[in-house]
């Protein structure tokens, strides 16, 4: 019995240690889709704005919710397309954020997110300069974003 309690305690300690090491981000990183689609940057909002300023690009911001059907279609069909990747990867810092979790939950009211998906163009200061909502084909999404290329 004592052996089982000791093993159980050791298991919990190891699990908590692993969780504490994986919860902290120290810098932005990019995540490439499996195909030649869009590359998304991960990090805090401040880090993303700093990267946009440094690279002299605006930010394409996908404000989504995990339960949203059209959001899933965008991720599966549009963000993975070569057409979208070729345009957005060169012209923008791309970010996708769940607006009901973590930093997204704090940004949702500031960005006045009322529906999903909401697709924003932000300047490097983090200010909204363009907005559209709902599912968009790759071609329509590019047409929406063209006026905001720096």
Foldseek 3Di string as FASTA:
>chain_A
DVVVVVVVVVVVVVVVVVVVVPPDDDAKDWDQDPALFAIAIDDDLLRQLVVCVVVVAKEKEWEAAPVDPLSVCCVPAARRDNLLNVPDVVFHHYHYDHLVDDVNVVCCVVVVDDDPGKIFIGHSVRHTPFIDHTHDHNVRVCVRCVVRGD
